[in-house]
Full PDB file with SEQRES, HELIX, SHEET, SSBOND, CRYST1, ORIGX, SCALE, CONECT and MASTER records, all heavy atoms in Angstrom:
SEQRES   1 A   42  LEU ILE VAL VAL ASP MET GLN ASN ASP PHE ILE ASP GLY          
SEQRES   2 A   42  SER ILE GLY THR LYS GLU ALA VAL GLY ILE VAL ASP ARG          
SEQRES   3 A   42  VAL ALA GLU VAL MET ASP SER PHE ASP GLY ALA VAL ILE          
SEQRES   4 A   42  CYS THR ARG                                                  
HELIX    1 AA1 ASN A    8  ILE A   11  1                                   4    
HELIX    2 AA2 LYS A   18  SER A   33  1                                  16    
SHEET    1 AA1 2 ILE A   2  VAL A   4  0                                        
SHEET    2 AA1 2 ILE A  39  THR A  41  1                                        
CRYST1    1.000    1.000    1.000  90.00  90.00  90.00 P 1           1          
ORIGX1      1.000000  0.000000  0.000000        0.00000                         
ORIGX2      0.000000  1.000000  0.000000        0.00000                         
ORIGX3      0.000000  0.000000  1.000000        0.00000                         
SCALE1      1.000000  0.000000  0.000000        0.00000                         
SCALE2      0.000000  1.000000  0.000000        0.00000                         
SCALE3      0.000000  0.000000  1.000000        0.00000                         
ATOM      1  N   LEU A   1      -8.193  18.495 -13.149  1.00  0.00           N  
ATOM      2  CA  LEU A   1      -7.519  17.227 -12.942  1.00  0.00           C  
ATOM      3  C   LEU A   1      -6.639  16.971 -14.269  1.00  0.00           C  
ATOM      4  O   LEU A   1      -7.225  16.882 -15.269  1.00  0.00           O  
ATOM      5  CB  LEU A   1      -8.541  16.111 -12.721  1.00  0.00           C  
ATOM      6  CG  LEU A   1      -7.965  14.662 -12.590  1.00  0.00           C  
ATOM      7  CD1 LEU A   1      -7.056  14.572 -11.396  1.00  0.00           C  
ATOM      8  CD2 LEU A   1      -9.035  13.670 -12.594  1.00  0.00           C  
ATOM      9  N   ILE A   2      -5.373  16.647 -13.992  1.00  0.00           N  
ATOM     10  CA  ILE A   2      -4.585  16.319 -15.129  1.00  0.00           C  
ATOM     11  C   ILE A   2      -4.351  14.732 -15.031  1.00  0.00           C  
ATOM     12  O   ILE A   2      -3.673  14.297 -14.110  1.00  0.00           O  
ATOM     13  CB  ILE A   2      -3.234  16.978 -15.099  1.00  0.00           C  
ATOM     14  CG1 ILE A   2      -3.414  18.503 -14.858  1.00  0.00           C  
ATOM     15  CG2 ILE A   2      -2.406  16.616 -16.327  1.00  0.00           C  
ATOM     16  CD1 ILE A   2      -4.201  19.165 -16.040  1.00  0.00           C  
ATOM     17  N   VAL A   3      -4.768  13.959 -15.988  1.00  0.00           N  
ATOM     18  CA  VAL A   3      -4.486  12.449 -16.034  1.00  0.00           C  
ATOM     19  C   VAL A   3      -3.348  12.303 -17.023  1.00  0.00           C  
ATOM     20  O   VAL A   3      -3.500  12.457 -18.223  1.00  0.00           O  
ATOM     21  CB  VAL A   3      -5.807  11.765 -16.499  1.00  0.00           C  
ATOM     22  CG1 VAL A   3      -5.544  10.294 -16.561  1.00  0.00           C  
ATOM     23  CG2 VAL A   3      -6.944  12.196 -15.579  1.00  0.00           C  
ATOM     24  N   VAL A   4      -2.179  11.933 -16.515  1.00  0.00           N  
ATOM     25  CA  VAL A   4      -1.054  11.935 -17.230  1.00  0.00           C  
ATOM     26  C   VAL A   4      -0.733  10.506 -17.848  1.00  0.00           C  
ATOM     27  O   VAL A   4      -0.686   9.524 -17.126  1.00  0.00           O  
ATOM     28  CB  VAL A   4       0.231  12.259 -16.303  1.00  0.00           C  
ATOM     29  CG1 VAL A   4       1.497  12.304 -17.195  1.00  0.00           C  
ATOM     30  CG2 VAL A   4       0.002  13.680 -15.794  1.00  0.00           C  
ATOM     31  N   ASP A   5      -0.742  10.478 -19.143  1.00  0.00           N  
ATOM     32  CA  ASP A   5      -0.224   9.263 -19.959  1.00  0.00           C  
ATOM     33  C   ASP A   5      -0.768   7.998 -19.626  1.00  0.00           C  
ATOM     34  O   ASP A   5       0.022   6.931 -19.523  1.00  0.00           O  
ATOM     35  CB  ASP A   5       1.310   9.367 -19.913  1.00  0.00           C  
ATOM     36  CG  ASP A   5       1.907  10.651 -20.463  1.00  0.00           C  
ATOM     37  OD1 ASP A   5       1.125  11.473 -20.965  1.00  0.00           O  
ATOM     38  OD2 ASP A   5       3.113  10.749 -20.396  1.00  0.00           O  
ATOM     39  N   MET A   6      -2.083   7.840 -19.372  1.00  0.00           N  
ATOM     40  CA  MET A   6      -2.644   6.500 -18.948  1.00  0.00           C  
ATOM     41  C   MET A   6      -2.942   5.819 -20.320  1.00  0.00           C  
ATOM     42  O   MET A   6      -4.023   5.484 -20.578  1.00  0.00           O  
ATOM     43  CB  MET A   6      -3.798   6.692 -18.183  1.00  0.00           C  
ATOM     44  CG  MET A   6      -3.667   7.215 -16.783  1.00  0.00           C  
ATOM     45  SD  MET A   6      -2.655   6.044 -15.705  1.00  0.00           S  
ATOM     46  CE  MET A   6      -3.859   4.654 -15.624  1.00  0.00           C  
ATOM     47  N   GLN A   7      -1.854   5.420 -21.083  1.00  0.00           N  
ATOM     48  CA  GLN A   7      -1.835   4.823 -22.316  1.00  0.00           C  
ATOM     49  C   GLN A   7      -1.414   3.350 -22.317  1.00  0.00           C  
ATOM     50  O   GLN A   7      -0.786   2.822 -21.399  1.00  0.00           O  
ATOM     51  CB  GLN A   7      -0.957   5.501 -23.283  1.00  0.00           C  
ATOM     52  CG  GLN A   7      -1.327   6.975 -23.402  1.00  0.00           C  
ATOM     53  CD  GLN A   7      -0.107   7.817 -23.974  1.00  0.00           C  
ATOM     54  OE1 GLN A   7       0.535   8.498 -23.157  1.00  0.00           O  
ATOM     55  NE2 GLN A   7       0.106   7.814 -25.256  1.00  0.00           N  
ATOM     56  N   ASN A   8      -1.949   2.580 -23.203  1.00  0.00           N  
ATOM     57  CA  ASN A   8      -1.800   1.142 -23.292  1.00  0.00           C  
ATOM     58  C   ASN A   8      -0.300   0.713 -23.108  1.00  0.00           C  
ATOM     59  O   ASN A   8       0.078  -0.138 -22.477  1.00  0.00           O  
ATOM     60  CB  ASN A   8      -2.276   0.554 -24.536  1.00  0.00           C  
ATOM     61  CG  ASN A   8      -3.838   0.665 -24.566  1.00  0.00           C  
ATOM     62  OD1 ASN A   8      -4.490   0.309 -23.576  1.00  0.00           O  
ATOM     63  ND2 ASN A   8      -4.421   1.094 -25.653  1.00  0.00           N  
ATOM     64  N   ASP A   9       0.640   1.449 -23.858  1.00  0.00           N  
ATOM     65  CA  ASP A   9       1.989   1.078 -23.797  1.00  0.00           C  
ATOM     66  C   ASP A   9       2.575   1.166 -22.505  1.00  0.00           C  
ATOM     67  O   ASP A   9       3.518   0.410 -22.068  1.00  0.00           O  
ATOM     68  CB  ASP A   9       2.879   1.773 -24.807  1.00  0.00           C  
ATOM     69  CG  ASP A   9       2.912   1.188 -26.202  1.00  0.00           C  
ATOM     70  OD1 ASP A   9       2.529   0.039 -26.302  1.00  0.00           O  
ATOM     71  OD2 ASP A   9       3.346   1.827 -27.104  1.00  0.00           O  
ATOM     72  N   PHE A  10       2.177   2.158 -21.711  1.00  0.00           N  
ATOM     73  CA  PHE A  10       2.639   2.323 -20.271  1.00  0.00           C  
ATOM     74  C   PHE A  10       2.011   1.369 -19.295  1.00  0.00           C  
ATOM     75  O   PHE A  10       2.521   1.230 -18.232  1.00  0.00           O  
ATOM     76  CB  PHE A  10       2.354   3.795 -19.778  1.00  0.00           C  
ATOM     77  CG  PHE A  10       3.347   4.759 -20.427  1.00  0.00           C  
ATOM     78  CD1 PHE A  10       2.835   5.893 -21.083  1.00  0.00           C  
ATOM     79  CD2 PHE A  10       4.690   4.668 -20.357  1.00  0.00           C  
ATOM     80  CE1 PHE A  10       3.660   6.850 -21.629  1.00  0.00           C  
ATOM     81  CE2 PHE A  10       5.475   5.570 -20.821  1.00  0.00           C  
ATOM     82  CZ  PHE A  10       4.995   6.687 -21.616  1.00  0.00           C  
ATOM     83  N   ILE A  11       0.895   0.806 -19.593  1.00  0.00           N  
ATOM     84  CA  ILE A  11       0.124  -0.027 -18.675  1.00  0.00           C  
ATOM     85  C   ILE A  11       0.394  -1.535 -18.932  1.00  0.00           C  
ATOM     86  O   ILE A  11       0.976  -2.098 -18.058  1.00  0.00           O  
ATOM     87  CB  ILE A  11      -1.303   0.286 -18.701  1.00  0.00           C  
ATOM     88  CG1 ILE A  11      -1.497   1.790 -18.286  1.00  0.00           C  
ATOM     89  CG2 ILE A  11      -2.202  -0.630 -17.931  1.00  0.00           C  
ATOM     90  CD1 ILE A  11      -2.939   2.341 -18.571  1.00  0.00           C  
ATOM     91  N   ASP A  12       0.083  -1.986 -20.040  1.00  0.00           N  
ATOM     92  CA  ASP A  12       0.339  -3.376 -20.311  1.00  0.00           C  
ATOM     93  C   ASP A  12       1.046  -3.663 -21.672  1.00  0.00           C  
ATOM     94  O   ASP A  12       1.040  -4.733 -22.152  1.00  0.00           O  
ATOM     95  CB  ASP A  12      -0.956  -4.232 -20.208  1.00  0.00           C  
ATOM     96  CG  ASP A  12      -2.037  -3.841 -21.221  1.00  0.00           C  
ATOM     97  OD1 ASP A  12      -1.796  -2.992 -22.014  1.00  0.00           O  
ATOM     98  OD2 ASP A  12      -3.172  -4.444 -21.084  1.00  0.00           O  
ATOM     99  N   GLY A  13       1.611  -2.575 -22.209  1.00  0.00           N  
ATOM    100  CA  GLY A  13       2.160  -2.646 -23.543  1.00  0.00           C  
ATOM    101  C   GLY A  13       3.727  -2.694 -23.431  1.00  0.00           C  
ATOM    102  O   GLY A  13       4.212  -3.253 -22.426  1.00  0.00           O  
ATOM    103  N   SER A  14       4.349  -2.148 -24.391  1.00  0.00           N  
ATOM    104  CA  SER A  14       5.849  -2.368 -24.523  1.00  0.00           C  
ATOM    105  C   SER A  14       6.765  -1.880 -23.274  1.00  0.00           C  
ATOM    106  O   SER A  14       7.753  -2.503 -23.152  1.00  0.00           O  
ATOM    107  CB  SER A  14       6.318  -1.488 -25.734  1.00  0.00           C  
ATOM    108  OG  SER A  14       6.071  -0.120 -25.650  1.00  0.00           O  
ATOM    109  N   ILE A  15       6.195  -0.959 -22.453  1.00  0.00           N  
ATOM    110  CA  ILE A  15       6.987  -0.622 -21.274  1.00  0.00           C  
ATOM    111  C   ILE A  15       5.946  -0.499 -20.006  1.00  0.00           C  
ATOM    112  O   ILE A  15       6.265   0.146 -19.087  1.00  0.00           O  
ATOM    113  CB  ILE A  15       7.728   0.777 -21.343  1.00  0.00           C  
ATOM    114  CG1 ILE A  15       6.816   1.915 -21.866  1.00  0.00           C  
ATOM    115  CG2 ILE A  15       8.919   0.508 -22.358  1.00  0.00           C  
ATOM    116  CD1 ILE A  15       7.660   3.154 -21.927  1.00  0.00           C  
ATOM    117  N   GLY A  16       5.058  -1.435 -20.060  1.00  0.00           N  
ATOM    118  CA  GLY A  16       4.108  -1.514 -18.975  1.00  0.00           C  
ATOM    119  C   GLY A  16       4.679  -2.153 -17.779  1.00  0.00           C  
ATOM    120  O   GLY A  16       5.616  -2.847 -17.880  1.00  0.00           O  
ATOM    121  N   THR A  17       4.007  -1.998 -16.569  1.00  0.00           N  
ATOM    122  CA  THR A  17       4.406  -2.580 -15.318  1.00  0.00           C  
ATOM    123  C   THR A  17       3.200  -3.044 -14.615  1.00  0.00           C  
ATOM    124  O   THR A  17       2.004  -2.596 -14.856  1.00  0.00           O  
ATOM    125  CB  THR A  17       5.179  -1.576 -14.454  1.00  0.00           C  
ATOM    126  OG1 THR A  17       4.272  -0.495 -14.054  1.00  0.00           O  
ATOM    127  CG2 THR A  17       6.394  -1.028 -15.096  1.00  0.00           C  
ATOM    128  N   LYS A  18       3.384  -4.015 -13.639  1.00  0.00           N  
ATOM    129  CA  LYS A  18       2.277  -4.411 -12.856  1.00  0.00           C  
ATOM    130  C   LYS A  18       1.641  -3.312 -12.025  1.00  0.00           C  
ATOM    131  O   LYS A  18       0.530  -3.183 -11.663  1.00  0.00           O  
ATOM    132  CB  LYS A  18       2.622  -5.714 -11.979  1.00  0.00           C  
ATOM    133  CG  LYS A  18       3.657  -5.347 -10.946  1.00  0.00           C  
ATOM    134  CD  LYS A  18       4.040  -6.596 -10.120  1.00  0.00           C  
ATOM    135  CE  LYS A  18       4.992  -6.152  -9.014  1.00  0.00           C  
ATOM    136  NZ  LYS A  18       5.563  -7.121  -8.240  1.00  0.00           N  
ATOM    137  N   GLU A  19       2.594  -2.412 -11.616  1.00  0.00           N  
ATOM    138  CA  GLU A  19       2.101  -1.173 -10.743  1.00  0.00           C  
ATOM    139  C   GLU A  19       1.226  -0.345 -11.609  1.00  0.00           C  
ATOM    140  O   GLU A  19       0.190   0.121 -11.124  1.00  0.00           O  
ATOM    141  CB  GLU A  19       3.355  -0.444 -10.251  1.00  0.00           C  
ATOM    142  CG  GLU A  19       4.130  -1.103  -9.199  1.00  0.00           C  
ATOM    143  CD  GLU A  19       5.157  -2.088  -9.833  1.00  0.00           C  
ATOM    144  OE1 GLU A  19       5.418  -2.097 -10.957  1.00  0.00           O  
ATOM    145  OE2 GLU A  19       5.796  -2.945  -8.939  1.00  0.00           O  
ATOM    146  N   ALA A  20       1.546  -0.155 -12.787  1.00  0.00           N  
ATOM    147  CA  ALA A  20       0.704   0.614 -13.746  1.00  0.00           C  
ATOM    148  C   ALA A  20      -0.670  -0.041 -13.981  1.00  0.00           C  
ATOM    149  O   ALA A  20      -1.755   0.713 -13.957  1.00  0.00           O  
ATOM    150  CB  ALA A  20       1.355   0.880 -15.067  1.00  0.00           C  
ATOM    151  N   VAL A  21      -0.661  -1.332 -14.128  1.00  0.00           N  
ATOM    152  CA  VAL A  21      -1.911  -2.046 -14.348  1.00  0.00           C  
ATOM    153  C   VAL A  21      -2.732  -1.889 -13.054  1.00  0.00           C  
ATOM    154  O   VAL A  21      -3.952  -1.680 -13.066  1.00  0.00           O  
ATOM    155  CB  VAL A  21      -1.682  -3.616 -14.610  1.00  0.00           C  
ATOM    156  CG1 VAL A  21      -2.954  -4.426 -14.483  1.00  0.00           C  
ATOM    157  CG2 VAL A  21      -0.998  -3.778 -15.941  1.00  0.00           C  
ATOM    158  N   GLY A  22      -2.077  -1.815 -11.876  1.00  0.00           N  
ATOM    159  CA  GLY A  22      -2.727  -1.807 -10.565  1.00  0.00           C  
ATOM    160  C   GLY A  22      -3.377  -0.490 -10.241  1.00  0.00           C  
ATOM    161  O   GLY A  22      -4.203  -0.363  -9.311  1.00  0.00           O  
ATOM    162  N   ILE A  23      -3.060   0.629 -11.045  1.00  0.00           N  
ATOM    163  CA  ILE A  23      -3.759   1.921 -10.674  1.00  0.00           C  
ATOM    164  C   ILE A  23      -4.871   2.267 -11.537  1.00  0.00           C  
ATOM    165  O   ILE A  23      -5.497   3.302 -11.377  1.00  0.00           O  
ATOM    166  CB  ILE A  23      -2.614   3.025 -10.646  1.00  0.00           C  
ATOM    167  CG1 ILE A  23      -2.021   3.316 -11.996  1.00  0.00           C  
ATOM    168  CG2 ILE A  23      -1.631   2.728  -9.544  1.00  0.00           C  
ATOM    169  CD1 ILE A  23      -1.440   4.720 -12.106  1.00  0.00           C  
ATOM    170  N   VAL A  24      -5.147   1.517 -12.601  1.00  0.00           N  
ATOM    171  CA  VAL A  24      -6.074   1.861 -13.709  1.00  0.00           C  
ATOM    172  C   VAL A  24      -7.496   2.136 -12.976  1.00  0.00           C  
ATOM    173  O   VAL A  24      -8.160   3.191 -13.226  1.00  0.00           O  
ATOM    174  CB  VAL A  24      -6.265   0.786 -14.774  1.00  0.00           C  
ATOM    175  CG1 VAL A  24      -7.432   1.102 -15.522  1.00  0.00           C  
ATOM    176  CG2 VAL A  24      -5.015   0.651 -15.505  1.00  0.00           C  
ATOM    177  N   ASP A  25      -7.959   1.280 -12.088  1.00  0.00           N  
ATOM    178  CA  ASP A  25      -9.342   1.443 -11.527  1.00  0.00           C  
ATOM    179  C   ASP A  25      -9.254   2.614 -10.578  1.00  0.00           C  
ATOM    180  O   ASP A  25     -10.287   3.365 -10.471  1.00  0.00           O  
ATOM    181  CB  ASP A  25      -9.728   0.130 -10.816  1.00  0.00           C  
ATOM    182  CG  ASP A  25     -10.087  -0.996 -11.642  1.00  0.00           C  
ATOM    183  OD1 ASP A  25     -10.368  -0.641 -12.960  1.00  0.00           O  
ATOM    184  OD2 ASP A  25     -10.147  -2.094 -11.282  1.00  0.00           O  
ATOM    185  N   ARG A  26      -8.155   2.785  -9.871  1.00  0.00           N  
ATOM    186  CA  ARG A  26      -8.040   3.953  -8.991  1.00  0.00           C  
ATOM    187  C   ARG A  26      -8.130   5.329  -9.735  1.00  0.00           C  
ATOM    188  O   ARG A  26      -8.727   6.236  -9.390  1.00  0.00           O  
ATOM    189  CB  ARG A  26      -6.756   3.938  -8.122  1.00  0.00           C  
ATOM    190  CG  ARG A  26      -6.586   5.141  -7.251  1.00  0.00           C  
ATOM    191  CD  ARG A  26      -7.658   5.272  -6.188  1.00  0.00           C  
ATOM    192  NE  ARG A  26      -7.320   6.495  -5.359  1.00  0.00           N  
ATOM    193  CZ  ARG A  26      -8.278   7.367  -4.967  1.00  0.00           C  
ATOM    194  NH1 ARG A  26      -9.491   7.136  -5.231  1.00  0.00           N  
ATOM    195  NH2 ARG A  26      -7.939   8.400  -4.301  1.00  0.00           N  
ATOM    196  N   VAL A  27      -7.387   5.377 -10.827  1.00  0.00           N  
ATOM    197  CA  VAL A  27      -7.424   6.519 -11.755  1.00  0.00           C  
ATOM    198  C   VAL A  27      -8.800   6.868 -12.220  1.00  0.00           C  
ATOM    199  O   VAL A  27      -9.283   8.036 -12.191  1.00  0.00           O  
ATOM    200  CB  VAL A  27      -6.411   6.487 -12.892  1.00  0.00           C  
ATOM    201  CG1 VAL A  27      -6.619   7.566 -13.872  1.00  0.00           C  
ATOM    202  CG2 VAL A  27      -4.935   6.544 -12.343  1.00  0.00           C  
ATOM    203  N   ALA A  28      -9.481   5.929 -12.746  1.00  0.00           N  
ATOM    204  CA  ALA A  28     -10.905   5.986 -13.230  1.00  0.00           C  
ATOM    205  C   ALA A  28     -11.812   6.504 -12.104  1.00  0.00           C  
ATOM    206  O   ALA A  28     -12.721   7.275 -12.320  1.00  0.00           O  
ATOM    207  CB  ALA A  28     -11.368   4.657 -13.748  1.00  0.00           C  
ATOM    208  N   GLU A  29     -11.553   5.946 -10.854  1.00  0.00           N  
ATOM    209  CA  GLU A  29     -12.330   6.356  -9.737  1.00  0.00           C  
ATOM    210  C   GLU A  29     -12.128   7.855  -9.393  1.00  0.00           C  
ATOM    211  O   GLU A  29     -13.071   8.653  -9.149  1.00  0.00           O  
ATOM    212  CB  GLU A  29     -11.973   5.569  -8.501  1.00  0.00           C  
ATOM    213  CG  GLU A  29     -12.638   5.881  -7.198  1.00  0.00           C  
ATOM    214  CD  GLU A  29     -11.995   5.054  -6.106  1.00  0.00           C  
ATOM    215  OE1 GLU A  29     -12.197   3.787  -6.186  1.00  0.00           O  
ATOM    216  OE2 GLU A  29     -11.489   5.570  -5.155  1.00  0.00           O  
ATOM    217  N   VAL A  30     -10.796   8.239  -9.506  1.00  0.00           N  
ATOM    218  CA  VAL A  30     -10.518   9.698  -9.207  1.00  0.00           C  
ATOM    219  C   VAL A  30     -11.154  10.657 -10.342  1.00  0.00           C  
ATOM    220  O   VAL A  30     -11.766  11.641 -10.013  1.00  0.00           O  
ATOM    221  CB  VAL A  30      -9.038   9.937  -9.148  1.00  0.00           C  
ATOM    222  CG1 VAL A  30      -8.664  11.414  -9.121  1.00  0.00           C  
ATOM    223  CG2 VAL A  30      -8.453   9.171  -7.971  1.00  0.00           C  
ATOM    224  N   MET A  31     -11.037  10.177 -11.455  1.00  0.00           N  
ATOM    225  CA  MET A  31     -11.678  10.951 -12.594  1.00  0.00           C  
ATOM    226  C   MET A  31     -13.217  11.038 -12.381  1.00  0.00           C  
ATOM    227  O   MET A  31     -13.840  12.193 -12.605  1.00  0.00           O  
ATOM    228  CB  MET A  31     -11.417  10.235 -13.964  1.00  0.00           C  
ATOM    229  CG  MET A  31      -9.982  10.252 -14.410  1.00  0.00           C  
ATOM    230  SD  MET A  31      -9.744   9.291 -15.902  1.00  0.00           S  
ATOM    231  CE  MET A  31     -10.454  10.267 -17.203  1.00  0.00           C  
ATOM    232  N   ASP A  32     -13.873   9.832 -12.103  1.00  0.00           N  
ATOM    233  CA  ASP A  32     -15.258   9.879 -11.962  1.00  0.00           C  
ATOM    234  C   ASP A  32     -15.768  10.762 -10.811  1.00  0.00           C  
ATOM    235  O   ASP A  32     -16.778  11.503 -11.032  1.00  0.00           O  
ATOM    236  CB  ASP A  32     -15.794   8.499 -11.679  1.00  0.00           C  
ATOM    237  CG  ASP A  32     -17.311   8.293 -11.899  1.00  0.00           C  
ATOM    238  OD1 ASP A  32     -17.868   8.991 -12.823  1.00  0.00           O  
ATOM    239  OD2 ASP A  32     -17.833   7.510 -11.200  1.00  0.00           O  
ATOM    240  N   SER A  33     -15.064  10.956  -9.771  1.00  0.00           N  
ATOM    241  CA  SER A  33     -15.504  11.705  -8.594  1.00  0.00           C  
ATOM    242  C   SER A  33     -15.024  13.094  -8.666  1.00  0.00           C  
ATOM    243  O   SER A  33     -15.400  13.925  -7.794  1.00  0.00           O  
ATOM    244  CB  SER A  33     -15.049  11.001  -7.332  1.00  0.00           C  
ATOM    245  OG  SER A  33     -13.590  10.944  -7.243  1.00  0.00           O  
ATOM    246  N   PHE A  34     -14.091  13.455  -9.648  1.00  0.00           N  
ATOM    247  CA  PHE A  34     -13.608  14.816  -9.625  1.00  0.00           C  
ATOM    248  C   PHE A  34     -14.604  15.843 -10.085  1.00  0.00           C  
ATOM    249  O   PHE A  34     -15.319  15.677 -11.044  1.00  0.00           O  
ATOM    250  CB  PHE A  34     -12.399  14.825 -10.607  1.00  0.00           C  
ATOM    251  CG  PHE A  34     -11.560  16.095 -10.505  1.00  0.00           C  
ATOM    252  CD1 PHE A  34     -10.637  16.214  -9.377  1.00  0.00           C  
ATOM    253  CD2 PHE A  34     -11.694  17.179 -11.414  1.00  0.00           C  
ATOM    254  CE1 PHE A  34      -9.991  17.422  -9.293  1.00  0.00           C  
ATOM    255  CE2 PHE A  34     -10.908  18.333 -11.178  1.00  0.00           C  
ATOM    256  CZ  PHE A  34     -10.067  18.480 -10.200  1.00  0.00           C  
ATOM    257  N   ASP A  35     -14.638  16.905  -9.272  1.00  0.00           N  
ATOM    258  CA  ASP A  35     -15.674  17.950  -9.572  1.00  0.00           C  
ATOM    259  C   ASP A  35     -14.850  19.169 -10.169  1.00  0.00           C  
ATOM    260  O   ASP A  35     -14.421  20.005  -9.499  1.00  0.00           O  
ATOM    261  CB  ASP A  35     -16.272  18.488  -8.225  1.00  0.00           C  
ATOM    262  CG  ASP A  35     -17.310  19.544  -8.476  1.00  0.00           C  
ATOM    263  OD1 ASP A  35     -17.892  19.585  -9.613  1.00  0.00           O  
ATOM    264  OD2 ASP A  35     -17.537  20.298  -7.487  1.00  0.00           O  
ATOM    265  N   GLY A  36     -14.763  19.033 -11.504  1.00  0.00           N  
ATOM    266  CA  GLY A  36     -13.982  20.039 -12.208  1.00  0.00           C  
ATOM    267  C   GLY A  36     -13.641  19.561 -13.667  1.00  0.00           C  
ATOM    268  O   GLY A  36     -14.131  18.516 -14.099  1.00  0.00           O  
ATOM    269  N   ALA A  37     -12.837  20.274 -14.284  1.00  0.00           N  
ATOM    270  CA  ALA A  37     -12.390  19.914 -15.676  1.00  0.00           C  
ATOM    271  C   ALA A  37     -11.378  18.837 -15.610  1.00  0.00           C  
ATOM    272  O   ALA A  37     -10.530  18.742 -14.699  1.00  0.00           O  
ATOM    273  CB  ALA A  37     -11.948  21.162 -16.476  1.00  0.00           C  
ATOM    274  N   VAL A  38     -11.343  17.999 -16.705  1.00  0.00           N  
ATOM    275  CA  VAL A  38     -10.327  16.901 -16.739  1.00  0.00           C  
ATOM    276  C   VAL A  38      -9.512  17.064 -18.089  1.00  0.00           C  
ATOM    277  O   VAL A  38     -10.157  17.241 -19.111  1.00  0.00           O  
ATOM    278  CB  VAL A  38     -10.930  15.527 -16.707  1.00  0.00           C  
ATOM    279  CG1 VAL A  38      -9.919  14.398 -16.873  1.00  0.00           C  
ATOM    280  CG2 VAL A  38     -11.836  15.381 -15.438  1.00  0.00           C  
ATOM    281  N   ILE A  39      -8.246  16.992 -17.981  1.00  0.00           N  
ATOM    282  CA  ILE A  39      -7.376  16.847 -19.158  1.00  0.00           C  
ATOM    283  C   ILE A  39      -6.623  15.544 -19.047  1.00  0.00           C  
ATOM    284  O   ILE A  39      -5.971  15.287 -18.113  1.00  0.00           O  
ATOM    285  CB  ILE A  39      -6.372  18.100 -19.189  1.00  0.00           C  
ATOM    286  CG1 ILE A  39      -7.168  19.481 -19.293  1.00  0.00           C  
ATOM    287  CG2 ILE A  39      -5.452  17.896 -20.313  1.00  0.00           C  
ATOM    288  CD1 ILE A  39      -6.303  20.654 -19.130  1.00  0.00           C  
ATOM    289  N   CYS A  40      -6.526  14.854 -20.167  1.00  0.00           N  
ATOM    290  CA  CYS A  40      -5.820  13.628 -20.352  1.00  0.00           C  
ATOM    291  C   CYS A  40      -4.589  13.923 -21.228  1.00  0.00           C  
ATOM    292  O   CYS A  40      -4.926  14.301 -22.385  1.00  0.00           O  
ATOM    293  CB  CYS A  40      -6.613  12.482 -20.776  1.00  0.00           C  
ATOM    294  SG  CYS A  40      -7.970  11.937 -19.735  1.00  0.00           S  
ATOM    295  N   THR A  41      -3.439  13.626 -20.856  1.00  0.00           N  
ATOM    296  CA  THR A  41      -2.307  13.813 -21.818  1.00  0.00           C  
ATOM    297  C   THR A  41      -1.964  12.477 -22.296  1.00  0.00           C  
ATOM    298  O   THR A  41      -2.170  11.450 -21.744  1.00  0.00           O  
ATOM    299  CB  THR A  41      -1.104  14.433 -21.149  1.00  0.00           C  
ATOM    300  OG1 THR A  41      -0.596  13.483 -20.121  1.00  0.00           O  
ATOM    301  CG2 THR A  41      -1.385  15.762 -20.405  1.00  0.00           C  
ATOM    302  N   ARG A  42      -1.418  12.489 -23.579  1.00  0.00           N  
ATOM    303  CA  ARG A  42      -0.871  11.281 -24.194  1.00  0.00           C  
ATOM    304  C   ARG A  42       0.520  11.530 -24.624  1.00  0.00           C  
ATOM    305  O   ARG A  42       0.735  12.477 -25.318  1.00  0.00           O  
ATOM    306  CB  ARG A  42      -1.728  10.899 -25.383  1.00  0.00           C  
ATOM    307  CG  ARG A  42      -3.112  10.483 -25.134  1.00  0.00           C  
ATOM    308  CD  ARG A  42      -3.748   9.848 -26.260  1.00  0.00           C  
ATOM    309  NE  ARG A  42      -3.826  10.874 -27.391  1.00  0.00           N  
ATOM    310  CZ  ARG A  42      -4.709  10.755 -28.323  1.00  0.00           C  
ATOM    311  NH1 ARG A  42      -5.545   9.769 -28.639  1.00  0.00           N  
ATOM    312  NH2 ARG A  42      -4.620  11.667 -29.362  1.00  0.00           N  
TER     313      ARG A  42                                                      
MASTER        0    0    0    2    2    0    0    6  312    1    0    4          
END                                                                             
């Protein structure tokens, strides 16, 4: 699983959006249930 750029600036920071805020819990849910390795990019 590749978790791409789930960083503060993209979520509620300098270039954040309400849509980005809205997916945080879903991304965490996908990460939690994923059966394999996880890579987060920044």
